Amino acid sequence: MTGLFLLQLFLYFPEDKSEYIPATFWMLLFLVLTVLTFRWIVRVSKRQEEKTKEFEEEINRERQQQKQ
């Protein structure tokens, strides 16, 4: 019973719905920044993967040359 009362203290639904506009703006801004950051991380990860594959191929070529 006390938990329900505590939750009601923090709930606020404004009568003037224009108060939602700034919150919506900030939420959209952070959503866009999150998507851009995620795409940037994926792009950097792919570049690192390509570099790692090239390095691995180079090492394998060197090993093959040493065996011959």
PDB file of N, CA and C in Angstrom:
ATOM      1  N   MET A   1       0.827  -1.194   0.000  1.00  0.00           N
ATOM      2  CA  MET A   1       0.000   0.000   0.000  1.00  0.00           C
ATOM      3  C   MET A   1       0.867   1.252   0.000  1.00  0.00           C
ATOM      4  N   THR A   2       1.940   1.240   0.783  1.00  0.00           N
ATOM      5  CA  THR A   2       2.833   2.391   0.852  1.00  0.00           C
ATOM      6  C   THR A   2       3.548   2.608  -0.473  1.00  0.00           C
ATOM      7  N   GLY A   3       3.903   1.518  -1.160  1.00  0.00           N
ATOM      8  CA  GLY A   3       4.585   1.631  -2.449  1.00  0.00           C
ATOM      9  C   GLY A   3       3.736   2.345  -3.482  1.00  0.00           C
ATOM     10  N   LEU A   4       2.441   2.052  -3.497  1.00  0.00           N
ATOM     11  CA  LEU A   4       1.533   2.706  -4.443  1.00  0.00           C
ATOM     12  C   LEU A   4       1.454   4.201  -4.161  1.00  0.00           C
ATOM     13  N   PHE A   5       1.419   4.571  -2.903  1.00  0.00           N
ATOM     14  CA  PHE A   5       1.383   5.985  -2.530  1.00  0.00           C
ATOM     15  C   PHE A   5       2.661   6.699  -2.970  1.00  0.00           C
ATOM     16  N   LEU A   6       3.803   6.044  -2.800  1.00  0.00           N
ATOM     17  CA  LEU A   6       5.070   6.658  -3.204  1.00  0.00           C
ATOM     18  C   LEU A   6       5.137   6.851  -4.715  1.00  0.00           C
ATOM     19  N   LEU A   7       4.622   5.915  -5.487  1.00  0.00           N
ATOM     20  CA  LEU A   7       4.599   6.066  -6.939  1.00  0.00           C
ATOM     21  C   LEU A   7       3.730   7.244  -7.366  1.00  0.00           C
ATOM     22  N   GLN A   8       2.640   7.454  -6.675  1.00  0.00           N
ATOM     23  CA  GLN A   8       1.748   8.549  -7.031  1.00  0.00           C
ATOM     24  C   GLN A   8       2.397   9.908  -6.781  1.00  0.00           C
ATOM     25  N   LEU A   9       3.356   9.980  -5.882  1.00  0.00           N
ATOM     26  CA  LEU A   9       4.034  11.246  -5.619  1.00  0.00           C
ATOM     27  C   LEU A   9       4.853  11.699  -6.822  1.00  0.00           C
ATOM     28  N   PHE A  10       5.399  10.756  -7.587  1.00  0.00           N
ATOM     29  CA  PHE A  10       6.285  11.082  -8.687  1.00  0.00           C
ATOM     30  C   PHE A  10       5.572  11.154 -10.032  1.00  0.00           C
ATOM     31  N   LEU A  11       4.324  10.752 -10.106  1.00  0.00           N
ATOM     32  CA  LEU A  11       3.584  10.831 -11.361  1.00  0.00           C
ATOM     33  C   LEU A  11       3.036  12.235 -11.539  1.00  0.00           C
ATOM     34  N   TYR A  12       3.229  12.760 -12.740  1.00  0.00           N
ATOM     35  CA  TYR A  12       2.742  14.105 -13.024  1.00  0.00           C
ATOM     36  C   TYR A  12       2.241  14.134 -14.452  1.00  0.00           C
ATOM     37  N   PHE A  13       0.974  14.385 -14.629  1.00  0.00           N
ATOM     38  CA  PHE A  13       0.378  14.507 -15.944  1.00  0.00           C
ATOM     39  C   PHE A  13      -0.172  15.926 -16.064  1.00  0.00           C
ATOM     40  N   PRO A  14       0.518  16.770 -16.823  1.00  0.00           N
ATOM     41  CA  PRO A  14       0.111  18.181 -16.876  1.00  0.00           C
ATOM     42  C   PRO A  14      -1.225  18.371 -17.597  1.00  0.00           C
ATOM     43  N   GLU A  15      -1.947  19.370 -17.161  1.00  0.00           N
ATOM     44  CA  GLU A  15      -3.198  19.736 -17.816  1.00  0.00           C
ATOM     45  C   GLU A  15      -2.895  20.337 -19.184  1.00  0.00           C
ATOM     46  N   ASP A  16      -1.863  21.171 -19.242  1.00  0.00           N
ATOM     47  CA  ASP A  16      -1.463  21.811 -20.494  1.00  0.00           C
ATOM     48  C   ASP A  16      -0.541  20.855 -21.244  1.00  0.00           C
ATOM     49  N   LYS A  17      -1.043  20.261 -22.315  1.00  0.00           N
ATOM     50  CA  LYS A  17      -0.290  19.237 -23.045  1.00  0.00           C
ATOM     51  C   LYS A  17       0.913  19.812 -23.795  1.00  0.00           C
ATOM     52  N   SER A  18       1.020  21.143 -23.905  1.00  0.00           N
ATOM     53  CA  SER A  18       2.181  21.736 -24.570  1.00  0.00           C
ATOM     54  C   SER A  18       3.451  21.522 -23.744  1.00  0.00           C
ATOM     55  N   GLU A  19       3.312  21.133 -22.497  1.00  0.00           N
ATOM     56  CA  GLU A  19       4.481  20.830 -21.679  1.00  0.00           C
ATOM     57  C   GLU A  19       5.181  19.551 -22.139  1.00  0.00           C
ATOM     58  N   TYR A  20       4.508  18.768 -22.963  1.00  0.00           N
ATOM     59  CA  TYR A  20       5.136  17.555 -23.499  1.00  0.00           C
ATOM     60  C   TYR A  20       6.093  17.859 -24.654  1.00  0.00           C
ATOM     61  N   ILE A  21       5.980  19.031 -25.261  1.00  0.00           N
ATOM     62  CA  ILE A  21       6.788  19.354 -26.445  1.00  0.00           C
ATOM     63  C   ILE A  21       8.291  19.324 -26.152  1.00  0.00           C
ATOM     64  N   PRO A  22       8.785  19.998 -25.111  1.00  0.00           N
ATOM     65  CA  PRO A  22      10.229  19.919 -24.848  1.00  0.00           C
ATOM     66  C   PRO A  22      10.700  18.495 -24.554  1.00  0.00           C
ATOM     67  N   ALA A  23       9.907  17.745 -23.824  1.00  0.00           N
ATOM     68  CA  ALA A  23      10.292  16.362 -23.515  1.00  0.00           C
ATOM     69  C   ALA A  23      10.360  15.529 -24.785  1.00  0.00           C
ATOM     70  N   THR A  24       9.421  15.733 -25.690  1.00  0.00           N
ATOM     71  CA  THR A  24       9.423  15.009 -26.960  1.00  0.00           C
ATOM     72  C   THR A  24      10.635  15.396 -27.791  1.00  0.00           C
ATOM     73  N   PHE A  25      10.950  16.691 -27.823  1.00  0.00           N
ATOM     74  CA  PHE A  25      12.118  17.160 -28.557  1.00  0.00           C
ATOM     75  C   PHE A  25      13.391  16.485 -28.047  1.00  0.00           C
ATOM     76  N   TRP A  26      13.579  16.500 -26.736  1.00  0.00           N
ATOM     77  CA  TRP A  26      14.805  15.914 -26.169  1.00  0.00           C
ATOM     78  C   TRP A  26      14.850  14.401 -26.382  1.00  0.00           C
ATOM     79  N   MET A  27      13.699  13.756 -26.284  1.00  0.00           N
ATOM     80  CA  MET A  27      13.674  12.316 -26.505  1.00  0.00           C
ATOM     81  C   MET A  27      14.059  11.990 -27.945  1.00  0.00           C
ATOM     82  N   LEU A  28      13.529  12.737 -28.909  1.00  0.00           N
ATOM     83  CA  LEU A  28      13.877  12.516 -30.312  1.00  0.00           C
ATOM     84  C   LEU A  28      15.351  12.824 -30.569  1.00  0.00           C
ATOM     85  N   LEU A  29      15.849  13.876 -29.961  1.00  0.00           N
ATOM     86  CA  LEU A  29      17.262  14.224 -30.126  1.00  0.00           C
ATOM     87  C   LEU A  29      18.157  13.087 -29.629  1.00  0.00           C
ATOM     88  N   PHE A  30      17.878  12.591 -28.445  1.00  0.00           N
ATOM     89  CA  PHE A  30      18.692  11.502 -27.902  1.00  0.00           C
ATOM     90  C   PHE A  30      18.525  10.211 -28.704  1.00  0.00           C
ATOM     91  N   LEU A  31      17.338   9.975 -29.239  1.00  0.00           N
ATOM     92  CA  LEU A  31      17.121   8.803 -30.081  1.00  0.00           C
ATOM     93  C   LEU A  31      17.973   8.891 -31.345  1.00  0.00           C
ATOM     94  N   VAL A  32      17.987  10.055 -31.977  1.00  0.00           N
ATOM     95  CA  VAL A  32      18.791  10.245 -33.188  1.00  0.00           C
ATOM     96  C   VAL A  32      20.275  10.089 -32.863  1.00  0.00           C
ATOM     97  N   LEU A  33      20.715  10.695 -31.772  1.00  0.00           N
ATOM     98  CA  LEU A  33      22.129  10.565 -31.376  1.00  0.00           C
ATOM     99  C   LEU A  33      22.494   9.110 -31.067  1.00  0.00           C
ATOM    100  N   THR A  34      21.575   8.386 -30.477  1.00  0.00           N
ATOM    101  CA  THR A  34      21.818   6.974 -30.178  1.00  0.00           C
ATOM    102  C   THR A  34      21.975   6.168 -31.459  1.00  0.00           C
ATOM    103  N   VAL A  35      21.100   6.406 -32.426  1.00  0.00           N
ATOM    104  CA  VAL A  35      21.174   5.682 -33.701  1.00  0.00           C
ATOM    105  C   VAL A  35      22.478   6.020 -34.427  1.00  0.00           C
ATOM    106  N   LEU A  36      22.845   7.306 -34.458  1.00  0.00           N
ATOM    107  CA  LEU A  36      24.089   7.704 -35.113  1.00  0.00           C
ATOM    108  C   LEU A  36      25.308   7.085 -34.432  1.00  0.00           C
ATOM    109  N   THR A  37      25.297   7.056 -33.113  1.00  0.00           N
ATOM    110  CA  THR A  37      26.409   6.449 -32.376  1.00  0.00           C
ATOM    111  C   THR A  37      26.498   4.958 -32.664  1.00  0.00           C
ATOM    112  N   PHE A  38      25.367   4.292 -32.693  1.00  0.00           N
ATOM    113  CA  PHE A  38      25.357   2.862 -32.978  1.00  0.00           C
ATOM    114  C   PHE A  38      25.914   2.581 -34.370  1.00  0.00           C
ATOM    115  N   ARG A  39      25.491   3.374 -35.358  1.00  0.00           N
ATOM    116  CA  ARG A  39      25.986   3.185 -36.729  1.00  0.00           C
ATOM    117  C   ARG A  39      27.487   3.454 -36.815  1.00  0.00           C
ATOM    118  N   TRP A  40      27.967   4.456 -36.084  1.00  0.00           N
ATOM    119  CA  TRP A  40      29.390   4.766 -36.064  1.00  0.00           C
ATOM    120  C   TRP A  40      30.188   3.603 -35.461  1.00  0.00           C
ATOM    121  N   ILE A  41      29.681   3.039 -34.379  1.00  0.00           N
ATOM    122  CA  ILE A  41      30.365   1.903 -33.744  1.00  0.00           C
ATOM    123  C   ILE A  41      30.414   0.721 -34.693  1.00  0.00           C
ATOM    124  N   VAL A  42      29.331   0.442 -35.401  1.00  0.00           N
ATOM    125  CA  VAL A  42      29.303  -0.672 -36.353  1.00  0.00           C
ATOM    126  C   VAL A  42      30.318  -0.426 -37.468  1.00  0.00           C
ATOM    127  N   ARG A  43      30.392   0.802 -37.971  1.00  0.00           N
ATOM    128  CA  ARG A  43      31.328   1.126 -39.048  1.00  0.00           C
ATOM    129  C   ARG A  43      32.775   0.944 -38.593  1.00  0.00           C
ATOM    130  N   VAL A  44      33.101   1.428 -37.403  1.00  0.00           N
ATOM    131  CA  VAL A  44      34.456   1.281 -36.873  1.00  0.00           C
ATOM    132  C   VAL A  44      34.768  -0.193 -36.655  1.00  0.00           C
ATOM    133  N   SER A  45      33.806  -0.939 -36.175  1.00  0.00           N
ATOM    134  CA  SER A  45      34.002  -2.366 -35.946  1.00  0.00           C
ATOM    135  C   SER A  45      34.304  -3.100 -37.246  1.00  0.00           C
ATOM    136  N   LYS A  46      33.599  -2.745 -38.316  1.00  0.00           N
ATOM    137  CA  LYS A  46      33.851  -3.395 -39.608  1.00  0.00           C
ATOM    138  C   LYS A  46      35.249  -3.076 -40.114  1.00  0.00           C
ATOM    139  N   ARG A  47      35.687  -1.828 -39.939  1.00  0.00           N
ATOM    140  CA  ARG A  47      37.048  -1.460 -40.354  1.00  0.00           C
ATOM    141  C   ARG A  47      38.080  -2.261 -39.575  1.00  0.00           C
ATOM    142  N   GLN A  48      37.874  -2.406 -38.292  1.00  0.00           N
ATOM    143  CA  GLN A  48      38.800  -3.178 -37.465  1.00  0.00           C
ATOM    144  C   GLN A  48      38.802  -4.644 -37.882  1.00  0.00           C
ATOM    145  N   GLU A  49      37.643  -5.162 -38.233  1.00  0.00           N
ATOM    146  CA  GLU A  49      37.553  -6.547 -38.686  1.00  0.00           C
ATOM    147  C   GLU A  49      38.344  -6.735 -39.978  1.00  0.00           C
ATOM    148  N   GLU A  50      38.228  -5.793 -40.912  1.00  0.00           N
ATOM    149  CA  GLU A  50      38.971  -5.900 -42.166  1.00  0.00           C
ATOM    150  C   GLU A  50      40.481  -5.846 -41.915  1.00  0.00           C
ATOM    151  N   LYS A  51      40.916  -4.938 -41.042  1.00  0.00           N
ATOM    152  CA  LYS A  51      42.339  -4.844 -40.716  1.00  0.00           C
ATOM    153  C   LYS A  51      42.837  -6.142 -40.084  1.00  0.00           C
ATOM    154  N   THR A  52      42.020  -6.721 -39.214  1.00  0.00           N
ATOM    155  CA  THR A  52      42.400  -7.965 -38.555  1.00  0.00           C
ATOM    156  C   THR A  52      42.516  -9.102 -39.566  1.00  0.00           C
ATOM    157  N   LYS A  53      41.574  -9.166 -40.510  1.00  0.00           N
ATOM    158  CA  LYS A  53      41.641 -10.211 -41.540  1.00  0.00           C
ATOM    159  C   LYS A  53      42.879 -10.039 -42.410  1.00  0.00           C
ATOM    160  N   GLU A  54      43.203  -8.805 -42.785  1.00  0.00           N
ATOM    161  CA  GLU A  54      44.403  -8.562 -43.589  1.00  0.00           C
ATOM    162  C   GLU A  54      45.656  -8.977 -42.820  1.00  0.00           C
ATOM    163  N   PHE A  55      45.705  -8.628 -41.557  1.00  0.00           N
ATOM    164  CA  PHE A  55      46.851  -8.987 -40.718  1.00  0.00           C
ATOM    165  C   PHE A  55      46.974 -10.508 -40.597  1.00  0.00           C
ATOM    166  N   GLU A  56      45.851 -11.174 -40.426  1.00  0.00           N
ATOM    167  CA  GLU A  56      45.840 -12.630 -40.316  1.00  0.00           C
ATOM    168  C   GLU A  56      46.319 -13.274 -41.630  1.00  0.00           C
ATOM    169  N   GLU A  57      45.875 -12.755 -42.757  1.00  0.00           N
ATOM    170  CA  GLU A  57      46.314 -13.286 -44.046  1.00  0.00           C
ATOM    171  C   GLU A  57      47.814 -13.072 -44.243  1.00  0.00           C
ATOM    172  N   GLU A  58      48.299 -11.928 -43.818  1.00  0.00           N
ATOM    173  CA  GLU A  58      49.728 -11.649 -43.919  1.00  0.00           C
ATOM    174  C   GLU A  58      50.544 -12.637 -43.079  1.00  0.00           C
ATOM    175  N   ILE A  59      50.083 -12.896 -41.889  1.00  0.00           N
ATOM    176  CA  ILE A  59      50.782 -13.849 -41.015  1.00  0.00           C
ATOM    177  C   ILE A  59      50.746 -15.239 -41.634  1.00  0.00           C
ATOM    178  N   ASN A  60      49.603 -15.645 -42.180  1.00  0.00           N
ATOM    179  CA  ASN A  60      49.496 -16.962 -42.807  1.00  0.00           C
ATOM    180  C   ASN A  60      50.427 -17.069 -44.018  1.00  0.00           C
ATOM    181  N   ARG A  61      50.550 -15.996 -44.809  1.00  0.00           N
ATOM    182  CA  ARG A  61      51.472 -16.010 -45.955  1.00  0.00           C
ATOM    183  C   ARG A  61      52.915 -16.158 -45.491  1.00  0.00           C
ATOM    184  N   GLU A  62      53.256 -15.455 -44.435  1.00  0.00           N
ATOM    185  CA  GLU A  62      54.622 -15.554 -43.911  1.00  0.00           C
ATOM    186  C   GLU A  62      54.909 -16.969 -43.404  1.00  0.00           C
ATOM    187  N   ARG A  63      53.946 -17.575 -42.746  1.00  0.00           N
ATOM    188  CA  ARG A  63      54.130 -18.952 -42.259  1.00  0.00           C
ATOM    189  C   ARG A  63      54.307 -19.923 -43.419  1.00  0.00           C
ATOM    190  N   GLN A  64      53.516 -19.707 -44.483  1.00  0.00           N
ATOM    191  CA  GLN A  64      53.631 -20.573 -45.659  1.00  0.00           C
ATOM    192  C   GLN A  64      55.016 -20.428 -46.308  1.00  0.00           C
ATOM    193  N   GLN A  65      55.529 -19.218 -46.358  1.00  0.00           N
ATOM    194  CA  GLN A  65      56.849 -18.984 -46.942  1.00  0.00           C
ATOM    195  C   GLN A  65      57.940 -19.621 -46.085  1.00  0.00           C
ATOM    196  N   GLN A  66      57.784 -19.592 -44.783  1.00  0.00           N
ATOM    197  CA  GLN A  66      58.789 -20.172 -43.894  1.00  0.00           C
ATOM    198  C   GLN A  66      58.803 -21.685 -43.994  1.00  0.00           C
ATOM    199  N   LYS A  67      57.634 -22.301 -44.247  1.00  0.00           N
ATOM    200  CA  LYS A  67      57.555 -23.754 -44.367  1.00  0.00           C
ATOM    201  C   LYS A  67      58.210 -24.237 -45.657  1.00  0.00           C
ATOM    202  N   GLN A  68      58.248 -23.417 -46.684  1.00  0.00           N
ATOM    203  CA  GLN A  68      58.782 -23.839 -47.978  1.00  0.00           C
ATOM    204  C   GLN A  68      60.247 -23.740 -48.008  1.00  0.00           C
TER     205      GLN A  68
END
